[in-house]
Amino acid sequence: MLVKNRSKSSVHARYILATALTLLGPTVDRILVFVFKLEKLPASVPIETVAFLSADAVIVLLLWKDYINKRTTQTLRNCLLIYLVGEMLFFIVPGSDGWQRFMAFIMKPTP
């Protein structure tokens, strides 16, 4: 198995951290829903927004720290971009016609 950036421990560690941040979203969601009984935030903002912003905030803080310490920021910029694209798709794709047709096809009972 090929592990990219295995020899560059700082780059590898940043990608591993970004991967671990993926778990932050569902954790924050469940805490807000099950512990604090929040289904939506004020102004009908979806609860997922808090989870997305918390992961984004962690990446932005680490990105800022690397920038201040004159370290390469490419890895964290890539991670932030991937997260932002995924977050936008989370809100856009489920309402699209293509997604609705795909889900109707998947959910169609088999004879």
N, C-alpha and C. Protein backbone atom coordinates (compact mmCIF):
# COMPACT_ATOMS: atom_id res chain seq x y z
N MET A 1 0.84 -1.17 0.00
CA MET A 1 0.00 0.00 0.00
C MET A 1 0.89 1.24 0.00
N LEU A 2 0.55 2.19 -0.85
CA LEU A 2 1.32 3.42 -0.95
C LEU A 2 0.75 4.47 -0.01
N VAL A 3 1.60 4.99 0.86
CA VAL A 3 1.19 6.07 1.76
C VAL A 3 1.95 7.31 1.34
N LYS A 4 1.21 8.26 0.80
CA LYS A 4 1.84 9.49 0.33
C LYS A 4 2.27 10.33 1.53
N ASN A 5 3.41 10.97 1.39
CA ASN A 5 3.97 11.86 2.41
C ASN A 5 4.34 11.11 3.70
N ARG A 6 4.59 9.82 3.60
CA ARG A 6 4.97 9.06 4.79
C ARG A 6 6.29 9.56 5.36
N SER A 7 7.21 9.95 4.49
CA SER A 7 8.51 10.40 4.98
C SER A 7 8.50 11.84 5.46
N LYS A 8 7.48 12.61 5.11
CA LYS A 8 7.35 13.99 5.58
C LYS A 8 6.36 13.99 6.74
N SER A 9 6.88 13.80 7.95
CA SER A 9 6.00 13.57 9.09
C SER A 9 5.08 14.75 9.38
N SER A 10 5.53 15.98 9.19
CA SER A 10 4.66 17.12 9.48
C SER A 10 3.49 17.19 8.51
N VAL A 11 3.73 16.90 7.24
CA VAL A 11 2.65 16.89 6.24
C VAL A 11 1.70 15.73 6.53
N HIS A 12 2.25 14.56 6.78
CA HIS A 12 1.44 13.38 7.07
C HIS A 12 0.56 13.61 8.31
N ALA A 13 1.15 14.20 9.35
CA ALA A 13 0.41 14.47 10.59
C ALA A 13 -0.75 15.43 10.35
N ARG A 14 -0.55 16.42 9.51
CA ARG A 14 -1.63 17.37 9.22
C ARG A 14 -2.78 16.69 8.48
N TYR A 15 -2.46 15.81 7.54
CA TYR A 15 -3.52 15.08 6.84
C TYR A 15 -4.25 14.13 7.80
N ILE A 16 -3.54 13.50 8.69
CA ILE A 16 -4.16 12.62 9.68
C ILE A 16 -5.08 13.43 10.59
N LEU A 17 -4.63 14.60 11.02
CA LEU A 17 -5.46 15.46 11.86
C LEU A 17 -6.73 15.87 11.13
N ALA A 18 -6.60 16.25 9.87
CA ALA A 18 -7.77 16.65 9.08
C ALA A 18 -8.73 15.47 8.93
N THR A 19 -8.20 14.28 8.80
CA THR A 19 -9.04 13.10 8.72
C THR A 19 -9.78 12.89 10.03
N ALA A 20 -9.09 13.08 11.14
CA ALA A 20 -9.72 12.92 12.46
C ALA A 20 -10.81 13.97 12.69
N LEU A 21 -10.65 15.15 12.12
CA LEU A 21 -11.66 16.20 12.28
C LEU A 21 -12.99 15.81 11.66
N THR A 22 -12.98 14.85 10.78
CA THR A 22 -14.22 14.37 10.18
C THR A 22 -15.16 13.83 11.26
N LEU A 23 -14.60 13.29 12.31
CA LEU A 23 -15.40 12.76 13.42
C LEU A 23 -15.98 13.86 14.30
N LEU A 24 -15.43 15.05 14.22
CA LEU A 24 -15.90 16.15 15.05
C LEU A 24 -17.34 16.53 14.71
N GLY A 25 -17.69 16.52 13.43
CA GLY A 25 -19.02 16.92 13.01
C GLY A 25 -20.13 16.08 13.63
N PRO A 26 -20.12 14.77 13.41
CA PRO A 26 -21.16 13.94 14.02
C PRO A 26 -21.17 14.00 15.54
N THR A 27 -20.01 14.16 16.15
CA THR A 27 -19.94 14.25 17.61
C THR A 27 -20.63 15.50 18.10
N VAL A 28 -20.32 16.64 17.49
CA VAL A 28 -20.95 17.90 17.88
C VAL A 28 -22.45 17.84 17.63
N ASP A 29 -22.85 17.30 16.47
CA ASP A 29 -24.28 17.16 16.16
C ASP A 29 -25.01 16.40 17.26
N ARG A 30 -24.48 15.27 17.63
CA ARG A 30 -25.16 14.42 18.61
C ARG A 30 -25.20 15.06 19.99
N ILE A 31 -24.14 15.75 20.36
CA ILE A 31 -24.15 16.45 21.65
C ILE A 31 -25.22 17.53 21.66
N LEU A 32 -25.30 18.30 20.59
CA LEU A 32 -26.31 19.37 20.53
C LEU A 32 -27.73 18.82 20.50
N VAL A 33 -27.93 17.72 19.79
CA VAL A 33 -29.28 17.17 19.66
C VAL A 33 -29.69 16.38 20.90
N PHE A 34 -28.84 15.47 21.36
CA PHE A 34 -29.24 14.57 22.45
C PHE A 34 -29.04 15.17 23.84
N VAL A 35 -28.00 15.96 24.03
CA VAL A 35 -27.75 16.53 25.35
C VAL A 35 -28.50 17.85 25.53
N PHE A 36 -28.41 18.74 24.53
CA PHE A 36 -29.01 20.06 24.66
C PHE A 36 -30.39 20.16 23.99
N LYS A 37 -30.85 19.06 23.39
CA LYS A 37 -32.18 18.99 22.76
C LYS A 37 -32.40 20.08 21.71
N LEU A 38 -31.36 20.40 20.94
CA LEU A 38 -31.46 21.38 19.87
C LEU A 38 -31.64 20.66 18.54
N GLU A 39 -32.68 20.99 17.83
CA GLU A 39 -32.87 20.45 16.48
C GLU A 39 -32.42 21.46 15.43
N LYS A 40 -32.65 22.72 15.73
CA LYS A 40 -32.23 23.81 14.86
C LYS A 40 -31.73 24.94 15.73
N LEU A 41 -30.88 25.75 15.18
CA LEU A 41 -30.40 26.94 15.88
C LEU A 41 -31.38 28.07 15.65
N PRO A 42 -31.23 29.18 16.37
CA PRO A 42 -32.10 30.33 16.10
C PRO A 42 -32.03 30.71 14.62
N ALA A 43 -33.10 31.25 14.12
CA ALA A 43 -33.24 31.65 12.71
C ALA A 43 -33.23 30.42 11.79
N SER A 44 -33.63 29.27 12.32
CA SER A 44 -33.74 28.02 11.55
C SER A 44 -32.44 27.61 10.85
N VAL A 45 -31.32 27.90 11.47
CA VAL A 45 -30.02 27.48 10.93
C VAL A 45 -29.86 25.99 11.25
N PRO A 46 -29.54 25.17 10.25
CA PRO A 46 -29.37 23.74 10.52
C PRO A 46 -28.26 23.48 11.54
N ILE A 47 -28.48 22.49 12.38
CA ILE A 47 -27.53 22.15 13.45
C ILE A 47 -26.18 21.71 12.88
N GLU A 48 -26.18 21.18 11.65
CA GLU A 48 -24.93 20.75 11.03
C GLU A 48 -23.96 21.91 10.84
N THR A 49 -24.49 23.11 10.73
CA THR A 49 -23.66 24.28 10.53
C THR A 49 -22.65 24.45 11.66
N VAL A 50 -23.08 24.19 12.89
CA VAL A 50 -22.18 24.30 14.04
C VAL A 50 -21.04 23.30 13.92
N ALA A 51 -21.37 22.08 13.54
CA ALA A 51 -20.34 21.05 13.39
C ALA A 51 -19.37 21.42 12.29
N PHE A 52 -19.89 21.90 11.16
CA PHE A 52 -19.01 22.29 10.06
C PHE A 52 -18.11 23.44 10.48
N LEU A 53 -18.68 24.43 11.12
CA LEU A 53 -17.88 25.60 11.52
C LEU A 53 -16.83 25.23 12.57
N SER A 54 -17.13 24.27 13.43
CA SER A 54 -16.13 23.89 14.44
C SER A 54 -14.92 23.22 13.78
N ALA A 55 -15.15 22.35 12.82
CA ALA A 55 -14.03 21.71 12.12
C ALA A 55 -13.27 22.75 11.29
N ASP A 56 -14.00 23.64 10.62
CA ASP A 56 -13.35 24.69 9.84
C ASP A 56 -12.51 25.60 10.73
N ALA A 57 -13.03 25.92 11.91
CA ALA A 57 -12.31 26.80 12.84
C ALA A 57 -11.00 26.16 13.28
N VAL A 58 -11.01 24.87 13.56
CA VAL A 58 -9.79 24.18 13.96
C VAL A 58 -8.75 24.25 12.83
N ILE A 59 -9.18 23.99 11.61
CA ILE A 59 -8.24 24.03 10.48
C ILE A 59 -7.72 25.45 10.27
N VAL A 60 -8.61 26.44 10.36
CA VAL A 60 -8.18 27.83 10.17
C VAL A 60 -7.18 28.24 11.26
N LEU A 61 -7.43 27.85 12.50
CA LEU A 61 -6.49 28.18 13.58
C LEU A 61 -5.12 27.53 13.35
N LEU A 62 -5.13 26.27 12.92
CA LEU A 62 -3.86 25.59 12.64
C LEU A 62 -3.16 26.21 11.43
N LEU A 63 -3.95 26.61 10.46
CA LEU A 63 -3.41 27.27 9.27
C LEU A 63 -2.77 28.60 9.66
N TRP A 64 -3.44 29.35 10.50
CA TRP A 64 -2.89 30.63 10.98
C TRP A 64 -1.62 30.40 11.78
N LYS A 65 -1.61 29.38 12.64
CA LYS A 65 -0.41 29.07 13.43
C LYS A 65 0.77 28.71 12.53
N ASP A 66 0.52 27.89 11.50
CA ASP A 66 1.60 27.54 10.57
C ASP A 66 2.09 28.78 9.81
N TYR A 67 1.18 29.63 9.42
CA TYR A 67 1.56 30.85 8.70
C TYR A 67 2.43 31.75 9.58
N ILE A 68 2.04 31.93 10.83
CA ILE A 68 2.81 32.76 11.77
C ILE A 68 4.19 32.18 12.00
N ASN A 69 4.28 30.85 12.09
CA ASN A 69 5.56 30.18 12.35
C ASN A 69 6.36 29.88 11.09
N LYS A 70 5.91 30.44 9.96
CA LYS A 70 6.62 30.32 8.67
C LYS A 70 6.77 28.87 8.21
N ARG A 71 5.75 28.05 8.50
CA ARG A 71 5.72 26.68 8.00
C ARG A 71 4.87 26.65 6.74
N THR A 72 4.99 25.58 6.00
CA THR A 72 4.19 25.45 4.79
C THR A 72 2.71 25.33 5.16
N THR A 73 1.88 26.00 4.39
CA THR A 73 0.44 25.98 4.65
C THR A 73 -0.33 25.19 3.59
N GLN A 74 0.37 24.63 2.64
CA GLN A 74 -0.28 23.94 1.52
C GLN A 74 -1.18 22.79 1.99
N THR A 75 -0.70 22.00 2.92
CA THR A 75 -1.46 20.84 3.39
C THR A 75 -2.79 21.27 4.01
N LEU A 76 -2.74 22.23 4.91
CA LEU A 76 -3.95 22.66 5.58
C LEU A 76 -4.88 23.43 4.64
N ARG A 77 -4.31 24.13 3.67
CA ARG A 77 -5.16 24.81 2.67
C ARG A 77 -5.91 23.76 1.86
N ASN A 78 -5.23 22.68 1.48
CA ASN A 78 -5.90 21.58 0.77
C ASN A 78 -7.03 20.99 1.61
N CYS A 79 -6.74 20.75 2.88
CA CYS A 79 -7.74 20.18 3.78
C CYS A 79 -8.94 21.10 3.92
N LEU A 80 -8.70 22.39 4.10
CA LEU A 80 -9.79 23.34 4.24
C LEU A 80 -10.63 23.40 2.97
N LEU A 81 -9.98 23.37 1.85
CA LEU A 81 -10.71 23.39 0.57
C LEU A 81 -11.59 22.15 0.43
N ILE A 82 -11.05 21.00 0.77
CA ILE A 82 -11.82 19.75 0.69
C ILE A 82 -13.02 19.81 1.63
N TYR A 83 -12.81 20.29 2.84
CA TYR A 83 -13.91 20.42 3.79
C TYR A 83 -14.98 21.39 3.27
N LEU A 84 -14.57 22.54 2.77
CA LEU A 84 -15.54 23.54 2.30
C LEU A 84 -16.35 23.03 1.12
N VAL A 85 -15.70 22.34 0.20
CA VAL A 85 -16.43 21.77 -0.94
C VAL A 85 -17.44 20.73 -0.45
N GLY A 86 -17.02 19.88 0.45
CA GLY A 86 -17.93 18.87 1.00
C GLY A 86 -19.10 19.49 1.74
N GLU A 87 -18.85 20.54 2.48
CA GLU A 87 -19.90 21.22 3.22
C GLU A 87 -20.90 21.89 2.28
N MET A 88 -20.40 22.51 1.24
CA MET A 88 -21.31 23.12 0.26
C MET A 88 -22.16 22.06 -0.42
N LEU A 89 -21.53 20.95 -0.79
CA LEU A 89 -22.28 19.87 -1.43
C LEU A 89 -23.33 19.28 -0.49
N PHE A 90 -23.04 19.25 0.79
CA PHE A 90 -23.99 18.73 1.78
C PHE A 90 -25.30 19.50 1.74
N PHE A 91 -25.21 20.81 1.54
CA PHE A 91 -26.41 21.63 1.53
C PHE A 91 -27.03 21.75 0.14
N ILE A 92 -26.23 21.62 -0.91
CA ILE A 92 -26.73 21.85 -2.27
C ILE A 92 -27.26 20.58 -2.92
N VAL A 93 -26.51 19.50 -2.84
CA VAL A 93 -26.82 18.28 -3.59
C VAL A 93 -28.16 17.64 -3.20
N PRO A 94 -28.49 17.48 -1.91
CA PRO A 94 -29.74 16.79 -1.59
C PRO A 94 -30.99 17.43 -2.19
N GLY A 95 -31.00 18.71 -2.46
CA GLY A 95 -32.16 19.36 -3.05
C GLY A 95 -32.16 19.38 -4.57
N SER A 96 -31.11 18.88 -5.18
CA SER A 96 -31.00 18.95 -6.64
C SER A 96 -31.84 17.87 -7.32
N ASP A 97 -32.25 18.13 -8.55
CA ASP A 97 -33.06 17.17 -9.31
C ASP A 97 -32.30 15.87 -9.55
N GLY A 98 -31.01 15.99 -9.90
CA GLY A 98 -30.21 14.80 -10.15
C GLY A 98 -30.14 13.90 -8.93
N TRP A 99 -29.96 14.47 -7.78
CA TRP A 99 -29.89 13.69 -6.54
C TRP A 99 -31.24 13.03 -6.24
N GLN A 100 -32.32 13.78 -6.45
CA GLN A 100 -33.64 13.23 -6.20
C GLN A 100 -33.93 12.04 -7.12
N ARG A 101 -33.54 12.16 -8.40
CA ARG A 101 -33.74 11.05 -9.33
C ARG A 101 -32.88 9.85 -8.94
N PHE A 102 -31.64 10.10 -8.54
CA PHE A 102 -30.74 9.03 -8.12
C PHE A 102 -31.32 8.30 -6.90
N MET A 103 -31.80 9.05 -5.92
CA MET A 103 -32.35 8.42 -4.72
C MET A 103 -33.65 7.66 -5.03
N ALA A 104 -34.47 8.20 -5.93
CA ALA A 104 -35.69 7.49 -6.33
C ALA A 104 -35.33 6.16 -7.00
N PHE A 105 -34.28 6.16 -7.81
CA PHE A 105 -33.82 4.94 -8.46
C PHE A 105 -33.30 3.94 -7.43
N ILE A 106 -32.50 4.41 -6.48
CA ILE A 106 -31.92 3.53 -5.46
C ILE A 106 -33.01 2.96 -4.56
N MET A 107 -34.00 3.75 -4.22
CA MET A 107 -35.03 3.33 -3.29
C MET A 107 -36.17 2.55 -3.94
N LYS A 108 -36.14 2.43 -5.27
CA LYS A 108 -37.20 1.72 -5.98
C LYS A 108 -37.15 0.24 -5.61
N PRO A 109 -38.28 -0.31 -5.21
CA PRO A 109 -38.28 -1.73 -4.82
C PRO A 109 -37.94 -2.62 -6.02
N THR A 110 -37.26 -3.69 -5.75
CA THR A 110 -36.93 -4.65 -6.83
C THR A 110 -38.07 -5.65 -6.93
N PRO A 111 -38.37 -6.08 -8.16
CA PRO A 111 -39.48 -7.04 -8.35
C PRO A 111 -39.13 -8.42 -7.86
